[in-house]
Amino acid sequence: MNVLMMSISQKVPMIKAIKRALQRAHPGAILYGADSSADCIGRYWVDMFWQCPSLNQLSVNDLILYCHKQNISVIFPSRDGELAYFAEHQHLLNESGIKVMISEAEAVQLCLDKLYFYKVLRKQGYPVIPTFTSLEELILPSPNHSGSFVVKERLGAGSVGAGIGVQAKDALRIAENMKSPVFQPFTAGAEYSIDLYLNRSSFPQGAIARKRNRIVNGESQITTTTRYPELEKLCKEIASKYNLRGHVMFQVIVDEKNSPHIIECNCRFGGASTLAVAMGLDSFFWFYKESTGASLREFPFQRGEKEMMLIRHAEDLIL
């Protein structure tokens, strides 16, 4: 029952969280880390390193062969660019005795495509940020709009390279350097991440809301947990309705009137999601147990009583 984490890059906090879960679930399990770069930083924290081909050169049969040789039965994806690959091949992997913490392909596509996400959730009446492929579509309903805008890539999660809170002319200029830009109205307010774990039946095992106090390159550098049952309930409902599974994370803005505006849902473990694990959202342990056939009724969610803060910072490792 060894484990493979994909695209380890420099995701040391995630590696450490998986290792702690394995030490509790199966002390003898080996954590393999895969990355296409031979000199990635994460290789110094995993038990075994695999310099794997890029996914567009890695056939699922070769992946299965590697996993069988190394007795790997669990895979944790960690990067947006690999989610569609694992969603597409998860059933073949499952038939080969390899469980992947991933949702079904349709649910993954819903999360990766911001325009599709908006259209689907809007039809169901959820408070999702309006999203359009052109600035004109956004402005025309309100011709006297004098506010600012957000422009970002349509596909994938996160806001790296996005223009946030910019004027119309700047939004158009930024969009020229994007593959498939989408435009949204800029909404001021407090930003929250809601981490959830959904079991193999898409039932929410638990949720943790955290405020994003400081954001750098689209990720929380400082984030603080908070009790926000209304947001947690909303995100649980959506995640379960659209058959998400494993660890997922919603990004939400709450405006000055305390109204939520859903930005997106990332169907993977987030950069600061280790804070949710520390608060009792035992995602890696739960998935490992589910992969052995165990019921999570034996491992209920127990939220930490004291709120916590996470501060991401650089740290040296001297060997």
C-alpha atoms as a PDB file:
ATOM      1  CA  MET A   1       0.000   0.000   0.000  1.00  0.00           C
ATOM      2  CA  ASN A   2       2.626   2.556  -1.050  1.00  0.00           C
ATOM      3  CA  VAL A   3       1.657   6.067  -2.167  1.00  0.00           C
ATOM      4  CA  LEU A   4       2.630   8.256  -5.127  1.00  0.00           C
ATOM      5  CA  MET A   5       2.355  12.041  -5.044  1.00  0.00           C
ATOM      6  CA  MET A   6       2.500  13.638  -8.478  1.00  0.00           C
ATOM      7  CA  SER A   7       4.216  16.905  -9.455  1.00  0.00           C
ATOM      8  CA  ILE A   8       5.934  17.341  -6.108  1.00  0.00           C
ATOM      9  CA  SER A   9       7.884  20.426  -7.283  1.00  0.00           C
ATOM     10  CA  GLN A  10       8.490  22.388  -4.077  1.00  0.00           C
ATOM     11  CA  LYS A  11       5.245  21.389  -2.309  1.00  0.00           C
ATOM     12  CA  VAL A  12       7.021  20.434   0.907  1.00  0.00           C
ATOM     13  CA  PRO A  13       4.075  21.174   3.270  1.00  0.00           C
ATOM     14  CA  MET A  14       1.819  18.836   1.267  1.00  0.00           C
ATOM     15  CA  ILE A  15       4.506  16.126   1.242  1.00  0.00           C
ATOM     16  CA  LYS A  16       4.872  16.392   5.012  1.00  0.00           C
ATOM     17  CA  ALA A  17       1.086  16.201   5.499  1.00  0.00           C
ATOM     18  CA  ILE A  18       0.887  13.017   3.412  1.00  0.00           C
ATOM     19  CA  LYS A  19       3.790  11.450   5.311  1.00  0.00           C
ATOM     20  CA  ARG A  20       2.151  12.181   8.678  1.00  0.00           C
ATOM     21  CA  ALA A  21      -1.086  10.595   7.444  1.00  0.00           C
ATOM     22  CA  LEU A  22       0.776   7.497   6.249  1.00  0.00           C
ATOM     23  CA  GLN A  23       2.589   7.104   9.552  1.00  0.00           C
ATOM     24  CA  ARG A  24      -0.810   6.808  11.235  1.00  0.00           C
ATOM     25  CA  ALA A  25      -2.623   4.807   8.570  1.00  0.00           C
ATOM     26  CA  HIS A  26       0.135   2.377   7.556  1.00  0.00           C
ATOM     27  CA  PRO A  27       3.550   2.987   9.184  1.00  0.00           C
ATOM     28  CA  GLY A  28       5.365   0.780   6.678  1.00  0.00           C
ATOM     29  CA  ALA A  29       4.076   2.570   3.592  1.00  0.00           C
ATOM     30  CA  ILE A  30       6.589   4.314   1.306  1.00  0.00           C
ATOM     31  CA  LEU A  31       5.891   7.743  -0.146  1.00  0.00           C
ATOM     32  CA  TYR A  32       7.042   8.087  -3.744  1.00  0.00           C
ATOM     33  CA  GLY A  33       7.274  11.543  -5.282  1.00  0.00           C
ATOM     34  CA  ALA A  34       7.083  12.126  -9.037  1.00  0.00           C
ATOM     35  CA  ASP A  35       8.230  15.114 -11.029  1.00  0.00           C
ATOM     36  CA  SER A  36       9.545  15.672 -14.541  1.00  0.00           C
ATOM     37  CA  SER A  37      12.370  17.842 -13.160  1.00  0.00           C
ATOM     38  CA  ALA A  38      15.344  15.955 -11.750  1.00  0.00           C
ATOM     39  CA  ASP A  39      16.377  18.816  -9.489  1.00  0.00           C
ATOM     40  CA  CYS A  40      12.982  19.631  -7.956  1.00  0.00           C
ATOM     41  CA  ILE A  41      13.178  20.559  -4.291  1.00  0.00           C
ATOM     42  CA  GLY A  42      10.479  18.130  -3.181  1.00  0.00           C
ATOM     43  CA  ARG A  43      12.665  15.082  -3.912  1.00  0.00           C
ATOM     44  CA  TYR A  44      14.538  15.680  -0.650  1.00  0.00           C
ATOM     45  CA  TRP A  45      11.407  15.125   1.435  1.00  0.00           C
ATOM     46  CA  VAL A  46       9.870  12.026  -0.158  1.00  0.00           C
ATOM     47  CA  ASP A  47      11.068   8.491   0.580  1.00  0.00           C
ATOM     48  CA  MET A  48      11.665   7.652  -3.089  1.00  0.00           C
ATOM     49  CA  PHE A  49      11.874   9.979  -6.080  1.00  0.00           C
ATOM     50  CA  TRP A  50      10.709   9.194  -9.613  1.00  0.00           C
ATOM     51  CA  GLN A  51      11.739  11.499 -12.446  1.00  0.00           C
ATOM     52  CA  CYS A  52       8.741  10.713 -14.588  1.00  0.00           C
ATOM     53  CA  PRO A  53       7.951  11.778 -18.155  1.00  0.00           C
ATOM     54  CA  SER A  54       5.528  14.649 -18.679  1.00  0.00           C
ATOM     55  CA  LEU A  55       1.950  13.393 -18.741  1.00  0.00           C
ATOM     56  CA  ASN A  56       1.570  13.940 -22.478  1.00  0.00           C
ATOM     57  CA  GLN A  57       4.363  11.380 -22.879  1.00  0.00           C
ATOM     58  CA  LEU A  58       3.289   9.008 -20.098  1.00  0.00           C
ATOM     59  CA  SER A  59       0.771   6.380 -21.160  1.00  0.00           C
ATOM     60  CA  VAL A  60      -1.599   5.145 -18.503  1.00  0.00           C
ATOM     61  CA  ASN A  61      -0.303   1.618 -19.088  1.00  0.00           C
ATOM     62  CA  ASP A  62       3.254   2.714 -18.307  1.00  0.00           C
ATOM     63  CA  LEU A  63       2.000   4.462 -15.183  1.00  0.00           C
ATOM     64  CA  ILE A  64       0.203   1.309 -14.084  1.00  0.00           C
ATOM     65  CA  LEU A  65       3.316  -0.761 -14.732  1.00  0.00           C
ATOM     66  CA  TYR A  66       5.441   1.573 -12.618  1.00  0.00           C
ATOM     67  CA  CYS A  67       2.898   1.541  -9.766  1.00  0.00           C
ATOM     68  CA  HIS A  68       2.696  -2.267  -9.787  1.00  0.00           C
ATOM     69  CA  LYS A  69       6.482  -2.589  -9.668  1.00  0.00           C
ATOM     70  CA  GLN A  70       6.654  -0.249  -6.666  1.00  0.00           C
ATOM     71  CA  ASN A  71       3.538  -1.633  -4.907  1.00  0.00           C
ATOM     72  CA  ILE A  72       1.825   1.749  -5.235  1.00  0.00           C
ATOM     73  CA  SER A  73      -1.923   1.635  -4.726  1.00  0.00           C
ATOM     74  CA  VAL A  74      -2.754   5.290  -3.999  1.00  0.00           C
ATOM     75  CA  ILE A  75      -2.038   8.406  -6.108  1.00  0.00           C
ATOM     76  CA  PHE A  76      -2.416  12.019  -4.993  1.00  0.00           C
ATOM     77  CA  PRO A  77      -2.420  14.553  -7.877  1.00  0.00           C
ATOM     78  CA  SER A  78      -1.299  18.046  -6.895  1.00  0.00           C
ATOM     79  CA  ARG A  79      -1.409  20.213 -10.031  1.00  0.00           C
ATOM     80  CA  ASP A  80      -4.264  21.589 -12.127  1.00  0.00           C
ATOM     81  CA  GLY A  81      -2.612  20.436 -15.347  1.00  0.00           C
ATOM     82  CA  GLU A  82      -2.815  16.757 -14.377  1.00  0.00           C
ATOM     83  CA  LEU A  83      -6.375  16.615 -13.033  1.00  0.00           C
ATOM     84  CA  ALA A  84      -8.016  15.935 -16.413  1.00  0.00           C
ATOM     85  CA  TYR A  85      -5.487  13.140 -17.105  1.00  0.00           C
ATOM     86  CA  PHE A  86      -6.275  11.332 -13.876  1.00  0.00           C
ATOM     87  CA  ALA A  87     -10.004  11.944 -14.160  1.00  0.00           C
ATOM     88  CA  GLU A  88      -9.954  10.367 -17.625  1.00  0.00           C
ATOM     89  CA  HIS A  89      -7.955   7.311 -16.554  1.00  0.00           C
ATOM     90  CA  GLN A  90      -9.183   6.813 -12.990  1.00  0.00           C
ATOM     91  CA  HIS A  91     -11.457   3.874 -13.805  1.00  0.00           C
ATOM     92  CA  LEU A  92      -8.701   1.937 -15.564  1.00  0.00           C
ATOM     93  CA  LEU A  93      -6.357   2.728 -12.677  1.00  0.00           C
ATOM     94  CA  ASN A  94      -9.016   1.611 -10.215  1.00  0.00           C
ATOM     95  CA  GLU A  95      -9.469  -1.677 -12.069  1.00  0.00           C
ATOM     96  CA  SER A  96      -5.694  -2.120 -11.768  1.00  0.00           C
ATOM     97  CA  GLY A  97      -5.820  -1.694  -7.998  1.00  0.00           C
ATOM     98  CA  ILE A  98      -4.726   1.951  -7.938  1.00  0.00           C
ATOM     99  CA  LYS A  99      -6.941   4.572  -6.275  1.00  0.00           C
ATOM    100  CA  VAL A 100      -6.637   8.243  -7.263  1.00  0.00           C
ATOM    101  CA  MET A 101      -7.940  11.129  -5.157  1.00  0.00           C
ATOM    102  CA  ILE A 102      -9.866  12.707  -8.025  1.00  0.00           C
ATOM    103  CA  SER A 103     -13.467  13.492  -8.965  1.00  0.00           C
ATOM    104  CA  GLU A 104     -15.230  12.224 -12.067  1.00  0.00           C
ATOM    105  CA  ALA A 105     -14.213  13.820 -15.362  1.00  0.00           C
ATOM    106  CA  GLU A 106     -17.369  15.938 -15.662  1.00  0.00           C
ATOM    107  CA  ALA A 107     -16.907  17.377 -12.170  1.00  0.00           C
ATOM    108  CA  VAL A 108     -13.242  18.115 -12.865  1.00  0.00           C
ATOM    109  CA  GLN A 109     -14.154  19.929 -16.080  1.00  0.00           C
ATOM    110  CA  LEU A 110     -16.725  21.975 -14.165  1.00  0.00           C
ATOM    111  CA  CYS A 111     -14.010  23.167 -11.781  1.00  0.00           C
ATOM    112  CA  LEU A 112     -11.323  23.809 -14.389  1.00  0.00           C
ATOM    113  CA  ASP A 113     -13.470  25.876 -16.765  1.00  0.00           C
ATOM    114  CA  LYS A 114     -14.449  29.169 -15.109  1.00  0.00           C
ATOM    115  CA  LEU A 115     -17.029  30.067 -17.781  1.00  0.00           C
ATOM    116  CA  TYR A 116     -18.700  26.658 -17.582  1.00  0.00           C
ATOM    117  CA  PHE A 117     -18.597  26.838 -13.775  1.00  0.00           C
ATOM    118  CA  TYR A 118     -20.409  30.186 -13.856  1.00  0.00           C
ATOM    119  CA  LYS A 119     -23.068  29.098 -16.333  1.00  0.00           C
ATOM    120  CA  VAL A 120     -23.876  25.844 -14.528  1.00  0.00           C
ATOM    121  CA  LEU A 121     -24.043  27.315 -11.029  1.00  0.00           C
ATOM    122  CA  ARG A 122     -25.934  30.419 -12.144  1.00  0.00           C
ATOM    123  CA  LYS A 123     -28.729  28.244 -13.578  1.00  0.00           C
ATOM    124  CA  GLN A 124     -29.158  26.688 -10.149  1.00  0.00           C
ATOM    125  CA  GLY A 125     -29.316  30.068  -8.439  1.00  0.00           C
ATOM    126  CA  TYR A 126     -25.970  29.921  -6.668  1.00  0.00           C
ATOM    127  CA  PRO A 127     -24.184  33.232  -5.954  1.00  0.00           C
ATOM    128  CA  VAL A 128     -21.336  32.810  -8.422  1.00  0.00           C
ATOM    129  CA  ILE A 129     -19.225  35.658  -9.808  1.00  0.00           C
ATOM    130  CA  PRO A 130     -20.481  36.699 -13.320  1.00  0.00           C
ATOM    131  CA  THR A 131     -18.011  35.505 -15.944  1.00  0.00           C
ATOM    132  CA  PHE A 132     -17.860  36.379 -19.653  1.00  0.00           C
ATOM    133  CA  THR A 133     -15.463  35.877 -22.544  1.00  0.00           C
ATOM    134  CA  SER A 134     -15.560  39.538 -23.540  1.00  0.00           C
ATOM    135  CA  LEU A 135     -15.581  42.761 -21.583  1.00  0.00           C
ATOM    136  CA  GLU A 136     -18.491  44.051 -23.684  1.00  0.00           C
ATOM    137  CA  GLU A 137     -20.760  41.254 -22.422  1.00  0.00           C
ATOM    138  CA  LEU A 138     -20.016  42.325 -18.880  1.00  0.00           C
ATOM    139  CA  ILE A 139     -20.431  46.061 -19.445  1.00  0.00           C
ATOM    140  CA  LEU A 140     -23.524  46.070 -21.687  1.00  0.00           C
ATOM    141  CA  PRO A 141     -25.996  45.010 -18.968  1.00  0.00           C
ATOM    142  CA  SER A 142     -24.770  48.060 -17.004  1.00  0.00           C
ATOM    143  CA  PRO A 143     -23.644  50.676 -19.583  1.00  0.00           C
ATOM    144  CA  ASN A 144     -22.856  53.178 -16.823  1.00  0.00           C
ATOM    145  CA  HIS A 145     -20.542  50.724 -15.082  1.00  0.00           C
ATOM    146  CA  SER A 146     -17.622  52.701 -13.655  1.00  0.00           C
ATOM    147  CA  GLY A 147     -16.094  50.014 -11.488  1.00  0.00           C
ATOM    148  CA  SER A 148     -13.066  47.833 -12.029  1.00  0.00           C
ATOM    149  CA  PHE A 149     -12.643  44.341 -13.404  1.00  0.00           C
ATOM    150  CA  VAL A 150     -10.848  41.043 -13.081  1.00  0.00           C
ATOM    151  CA  VAL A 151      -9.344  39.282 -16.099  1.00  0.00           C
ATOM    152  CA  LYS A 152      -7.909  35.779 -15.811  1.00  0.00           C
ATOM    153  CA  GLU A 153      -7.392  32.605 -17.787  1.00  0.00           C
ATOM    154  CA  ARG A 154     -10.585  30.659 -18.398  1.00  0.00           C
ATOM    155  CA  LEU A 155      -9.034  27.238 -17.778  1.00  0.00           C
ATOM    156  CA  GLY A 156      -7.323  26.100 -14.605  1.00  0.00           C
ATOM    157  CA  ALA A 157      -7.505  27.409 -11.058  1.00  0.00           C
ATOM    158  CA  GLY A 158      -5.818  30.257  -9.273  1.00  0.00           C
ATOM    159  CA  SER A 159      -5.117  33.833 -10.289  1.00  0.00           C
ATOM    160  CA  VAL A 160      -1.421  33.861 -11.193  1.00  0.00           C
ATOM    161  CA  GLY A 161      -0.942  36.433 -13.966  1.00  0.00           C
ATOM    162  CA  ALA A 162      -4.480  37.741 -13.589  1.00  0.00           C
ATOM    163  CA  GLY A 163      -5.428  41.396 -13.604  1.00  0.00           C
ATOM    164  CA  ILE A 164      -7.389  42.133 -10.433  1.00  0.00           C
ATOM    165  CA  GLY A 165      -9.190  45.391  -9.759  1.00  0.00           C
ATOM    166  CA  VAL A 166      -8.106  46.959 -13.043  1.00  0.00           C
ATOM    167  CA  GLN A 167      -9.831  49.444 -15.328  1.00  0.00           C
ATOM    168  CA  ALA A 168     -11.377  48.349 -18.612  1.00  0.00           C
ATOM    169  CA  LYS A 169      -8.478  49.436 -20.847  1.00  0.00           C
ATOM    170  CA  ASP A 170      -5.968  47.634 -18.627  1.00  0.00           C
ATOM    171  CA  ALA A 171      -8.123  44.514 -18.542  1.00  0.00           C
ATOM    172  CA  LEU A 172      -8.132  44.423 -22.352  1.00  0.00           C
ATOM    173  CA  ARG A 173      -4.365  44.928 -22.475  1.00  0.00           C
ATOM    174  CA  ILE A 174      -3.721  42.096 -20.005  1.00  0.00           C
ATOM    175  CA  ALA A 175      -6.103  39.819 -21.895  1.00  0.00           C
ATOM    176  CA  GLU A 176      -3.993  40.160 -25.049  1.00  0.00           C
ATOM    177  CA  ASN A 177      -1.300  38.015 -23.427  1.00  0.00           C
ATOM    178  CA  MET A 178      -3.693  35.267 -22.339  1.00  0.00           C
ATOM    179  CA  LYS A 179      -4.706  32.109 -24.175  1.00  0.00           C
ATOM    180  CA  SER A 180      -8.387  32.219 -23.309  1.00  0.00           C
ATOM    181  CA  PRO A 181      -9.266  35.164 -21.054  1.00  0.00           C
ATOM    182  CA  VAL A 182     -12.492  35.667 -19.146  1.00  0.00           C
ATOM    183  CA  PHE A 183     -13.720  38.872 -17.516  1.00  0.00           C
ATOM    184  CA  GLN A 184     -15.418  39.338 -14.158  1.00  0.00           C
ATOM    185  CA  PRO A 185     -16.557  42.362 -12.147  1.00  0.00           C
ATOM    186  CA  PHE A 186     -14.194  43.206  -9.308  1.00  0.00           C
ATOM    187  CA  THR A 187     -15.954  42.558  -6.009  1.00  0.00           C
ATOM    188  CA  ALA A 188     -14.478  44.063  -2.859  1.00  0.00           C
ATOM    189  CA  GLY A 189     -14.715  42.127   0.365  1.00  0.00           C
ATOM    190  CA  ALA A 190     -13.086  39.569   2.606  1.00  0.00           C
ATOM    191  CA  GLU A 191     -11.683  36.502   0.831  1.00  0.00           C
ATOM    192  CA  TYR A 192     -12.229  33.006   2.185  1.00  0.00           C
ATOM    193  CA  SER A 193     -11.122  29.510   1.284  1.00  0.00           C
ATOM    194  CA  ILE A 194     -13.340  26.603   2.280  1.00  0.00           C
ATOM    195  CA  ASP A 195     -11.582  23.235   2.338  1.00  0.00           C
ATOM    196  CA  LEU A 196     -13.762  20.126   2.185  1.00  0.00           C
ATOM    197  CA  TYR A 197     -13.343  16.386   2.032  1.00  0.00           C
ATOM    198  CA  LEU A 198     -16.028  14.334   0.292  1.00  0.00           C
ATOM    199  CA  ASN A 199     -16.041  10.562   0.578  1.00  0.00           C
ATOM    200  CA  ARG A 200     -16.317   8.115  -2.311  1.00  0.00           C
ATOM    201  CA  SER A 201     -20.103   8.696  -2.350  1.00  0.00           C
ATOM    202  CA  SER A 202     -19.628  12.494  -2.567  1.00  0.00           C
ATOM    203  CA  PHE A 203     -20.877  12.933   0.993  1.00  0.00           C
ATOM    204  CA  PRO A 204     -19.107  15.772   2.852  1.00  0.00           C
ATOM    205  CA  GLN A 205     -16.991  14.339   5.632  1.00  0.00           C
ATOM    206  CA  GLY A 206     -16.024  17.768   6.956  1.00  0.00           C
ATOM    207  CA  ALA A 207     -15.254  21.385   6.083  1.00  0.00           C
ATOM    208  CA  ILE A 208     -12.988  24.146   7.331  1.00  0.00           C
ATOM    209  CA  ALA A 209     -13.395  27.822   6.439  1.00  0.00           C
ATOM    210  CA  ARG A 210     -10.364  30.097   6.614  1.00  0.00           C
ATOM    211  CA  LYS A 211      -9.895  33.765   5.918  1.00  0.00           C
ATOM    212  CA  ARG A 212      -7.207  34.703   3.409  1.00  0.00           C
ATOM    213  CA  ASN A 213      -5.419  37.463   5.273  1.00  0.00           C
ATOM    214  CA  ARG A 214      -2.533  37.940   2.835  1.00  0.00           C
ATOM    215  CA  ILE A 215      -2.433  36.643  -0.742  1.00  0.00           C
ATOM    216  CA  VAL A 216       0.718  36.343  -2.846  1.00  0.00           C
ATOM    217  CA  ASN A 217       0.622  35.052  -6.443  1.00  0.00           C
ATOM    218  CA  GLY A 218      -2.891  33.709  -5.963  1.00  0.00           C
ATOM    219  CA  GLU A 219      -2.101  31.682  -2.808  1.00  0.00           C
ATOM    220  CA  SER A 220      -2.609  32.454   0.854  1.00  0.00           C
ATOM    221  CA  GLN A 221       0.625  33.462   2.540  1.00  0.00           C
ATOM    222  CA  ILE A 222      -1.219  34.191   5.783  1.00  0.00           C
ATOM    223  CA  THR A 223      -4.556  32.502   6.456  1.00  0.00           C
ATOM    224  CA  THR A 224      -6.640  32.058   9.604  1.00  0.00           C
ATOM    225  CA  THR A 225      -9.349  29.493  10.345  1.00  0.00           C
ATOM    226  CA  THR A 226     -12.767  30.737  11.339  1.00  0.00           C
ATOM    227  CA  ARG A 227     -16.175  29.292  12.118  1.00  0.00           C
ATOM    228  CA  TYR A 228     -18.391  30.193   9.183  1.00  0.00           C
ATOM    229  CA  PRO A 229     -21.180  27.575   9.056  1.00  0.00           C
ATOM    230  CA  GLU A 230     -23.159  29.394   6.334  1.00  0.00           C
ATOM    231  CA  LEU A 231     -20.263  29.299   3.875  1.00  0.00           C
ATOM    232  CA  GLU A 232     -19.382  25.725   4.805  1.00  0.00           C
ATOM    233  CA  LYS A 233     -22.981  24.609   4.260  1.00  0.00           C
ATOM    234  CA  LEU A 234     -23.170  26.358   0.863  1.00  0.00           C
ATOM    235  CA  CYS A 235     -19.939  24.775  -0.368  1.00  0.00           C
ATOM    236  CA  LYS A 236     -20.888  21.330   0.946  1.00  0.00           C
ATOM    237  CA  GLU A 237     -24.185  21.522  -0.932  1.00  0.00           C
ATOM    238  CA  ILE A 238     -22.543  22.476  -4.225  1.00  0.00           C
ATOM    239  CA  ALA A 239     -19.716  19.950  -3.935  1.00  0.00           C
ATOM    240  CA  SER A 240     -22.095  17.112  -3.160  1.00  0.00           C
ATOM    241  CA  LYS A 241     -24.600  18.152  -5.856  1.00  0.00           C
ATOM    242  CA  TYR A 242     -21.943  18.016  -8.571  1.00  0.00           C
ATOM    243  CA  ASN A 243     -20.382  14.760  -7.344  1.00  0.00           C
ATOM    244  CA  LEU A 244     -17.014  16.089  -6.260  1.00  0.00           C
ATOM    245  CA  ARG A 245     -14.824  13.694  -4.314  1.00  0.00           C
ATOM    246  CA  GLY A 246     -11.698  13.814  -2.191  1.00  0.00           C
ATOM    247  CA  HIS A 247     -10.199  17.135  -1.117  1.00  0.00           C
ATOM    248  CA  VAL A 248     -11.647  20.217  -2.811  1.00  0.00           C
ATOM    249  CA  MET A 249     -11.398  23.913  -2.058  1.00  0.00           C
ATOM    250  CA  PHE A 250     -13.770  26.799  -2.794  1.00  0.00           C
ATOM    251  CA  GLN A 251     -12.728  30.449  -3.078  1.00  0.00           C
ATOM    252  CA  VAL A 252     -15.392  32.927  -1.945  1.00  0.00           C
ATOM    253  CA  ILE A 253     -15.588  36.698  -1.461  1.00  0.00           C
ATOM    254  CA  VAL A 254     -17.971  38.036   1.193  1.00  0.00           C
ATOM    255  CA  ASP A 255     -18.922  41.661   0.534  1.00  0.00           C
ATOM    256  CA  GLU A 256     -19.777  44.424   2.987  1.00  0.00           C
ATOM    257  CA  LYS A 257     -23.402  43.244   3.079  1.00  0.00           C
ATOM    258  CA  ASN A 258     -22.232  39.747   4.112  1.00  0.00           C
ATOM    259  CA  SER A 259     -23.309  38.341   0.758  1.00  0.00           C
ATOM    260  CA  PRO A 260     -21.111  35.534  -0.624  1.00  0.00           C
ATOM    261  CA  HIS A 261     -19.732  35.552  -4.160  1.00  0.00           C
ATOM    262  CA  ILE A 262     -18.281  32.213  -5.272  1.00  0.00           C
ATOM    263  CA  ILE A 263     -15.128  32.669  -7.356  1.00  0.00           C
ATOM    264  CA  GLU A 264     -14.155  29.081  -8.145  1.00  0.00           C
ATOM    265  CA  CYS A 265     -13.692  25.562  -6.888  1.00  0.00           C
ATOM    266  CA  ASN A 266     -10.331  23.790  -7.037  1.00  0.00           C
ATOM    267  CA  CYS A 267     -10.763  20.004  -7.087  1.00  0.00           C
ATOM    268  CA  ARG A 268      -7.390  19.332  -5.486  1.00  0.00           C
ATOM    269  CA  PHE A 269      -5.397  20.038  -2.343  1.00  0.00           C
ATOM    270  CA  GLY A 270      -4.513  23.737  -2.126  1.00  0.00           C
ATOM    271  CA  GLY A 271      -1.284  25.477  -1.248  1.00  0.00           C
ATOM    272  CA  ALA A 272      -2.476  26.470   2.233  1.00  0.00           C
ATOM    273  CA  SER A 273      -4.856  23.544   2.774  1.00  0.00           C
ATOM    274  CA  THR A 274      -2.417  22.084   5.299  1.00  0.00           C
ATOM    275  CA  LEU A 275      -4.044  24.444   7.814  1.00  0.00           C
ATOM    276  CA  ALA A 276      -7.349  22.634   7.291  1.00  0.00           C
ATOM    277  CA  VAL A 277      -5.569  19.314   7.922  1.00  0.00           C
ATOM    278  CA  ALA A 278      -4.121  20.709  11.155  1.00  0.00           C
ATOM    279  CA  MET A 279      -7.681  21.660  12.170  1.00  0.00           C
ATOM    280  CA  GLY A 280      -8.934  18.091  11.730  1.00  0.00           C
ATOM    281  CA  LEU A 281      -9.811  17.812   8.024  1.00  0.00           C
ATOM    282  CA  ASP A 282      -7.870  14.554   7.710  1.00  0.00           C
ATOM    283  CA  SER A 283      -8.052  14.300   3.916  1.00  0.00           C
ATOM    284  CA  PHE A 284      -5.000  12.113   3.160  1.00  0.00           C
ATOM    285  CA  PHE A 285      -5.670   9.740   6.058  1.00  0.00           C
ATOM    286  CA  TRP A 286      -9.333   9.445   5.083  1.00  0.00           C
ATOM    287  CA  PHE A 287      -8.607   8.761   1.428  1.00  0.00           C
ATOM    288  CA  TYR A 288      -5.969   6.170   2.302  1.00  0.00           C
ATOM    289  CA  LYS A 289      -8.445   4.428   4.587  1.00  0.00           C
ATOM    290  CA  GLU A 290     -11.175   4.553   1.935  1.00  0.00           C
ATOM    291  CA  SER A 291      -8.760   3.040  -0.580  1.00  0.00           C
ATOM    292  CA  THR A 292      -8.478  -0.015   1.698  1.00  0.00           C
ATOM    293  CA  GLY A 293     -12.268  -0.371   1.792  1.00  0.00           C
ATOM    294  CA  ALA A 294     -12.740   1.146   5.253  1.00  0.00           C
ATOM    295  CA  SER A 295     -15.828   3.194   6.103  1.00  0.00           C
ATOM    296  CA  LEU A 296     -15.207   6.723   7.296  1.00  0.00           C
ATOM    297  CA  ARG A 297     -17.903   6.275   9.926  1.00  0.00           C
ATOM    298  CA  GLU A 298     -15.038   4.868  11.973  1.00  0.00           C
ATOM    299  CA  PHE A 299     -13.063   8.103  11.517  1.00  0.00           C
ATOM    300  CA  PRO A 300     -15.425  11.058  12.083  1.00  0.00           C
ATOM    301  CA  PHE A 301     -14.440  14.661  11.516  1.00  0.00           C
ATOM    302  CA  GLN A 302     -13.353  16.337  14.738  1.00  0.00           C
ATOM    303  CA  ARG A 303     -12.771  20.046  14.266  1.00  0.00           C
ATOM    304  CA  GLY A 304     -10.097  21.681  16.364  1.00  0.00           C
ATOM    305  CA  GLU A 305     -11.555  23.874  19.076  1.00  0.00           C
ATOM    306  CA  LYS A 306      -8.889  26.594  18.944  1.00  0.00           C
ATOM    307  CA  GLU A 307      -8.592  28.634  15.753  1.00  0.00           C
ATOM    308  CA  MET A 308      -5.214  28.525  13.988  1.00  0.00           C
ATOM    309  CA  MET A 309      -3.157  30.713  11.672  1.00  0.00           C
ATOM    310  CA  LEU A 310      -0.851  29.540   8.886  1.00  0.00           C
ATOM    311  CA  ILE A 311       2.079  31.655   7.712  1.00  0.00           C
ATOM    312  CA  ARG A 312       3.932  30.428   4.642  1.00  0.00           C
ATOM    313  CA  HIS A 313       7.632  31.272   4.586  1.00  0.00           C
ATOM    314  CA  ALA A 314      10.936  30.134   3.115  1.00  0.00           C
ATOM    315  CA  GLU A 315      13.033  27.751   5.183  1.00  0.00           C
ATOM    316  CA  ASP A 316      16.500  26.274   4.677  1.00  0.00           C
ATOM    317  CA  LEU A 317      17.254  22.554   4.804  1.00  0.00           C
ATOM    318  CA  ILE A 318      20.880  21.737   5.657  1.00  0.00           C
ATOM    319  CA  LEU A 319      21.937  18.148   4.943  1.00  0.00           C
END
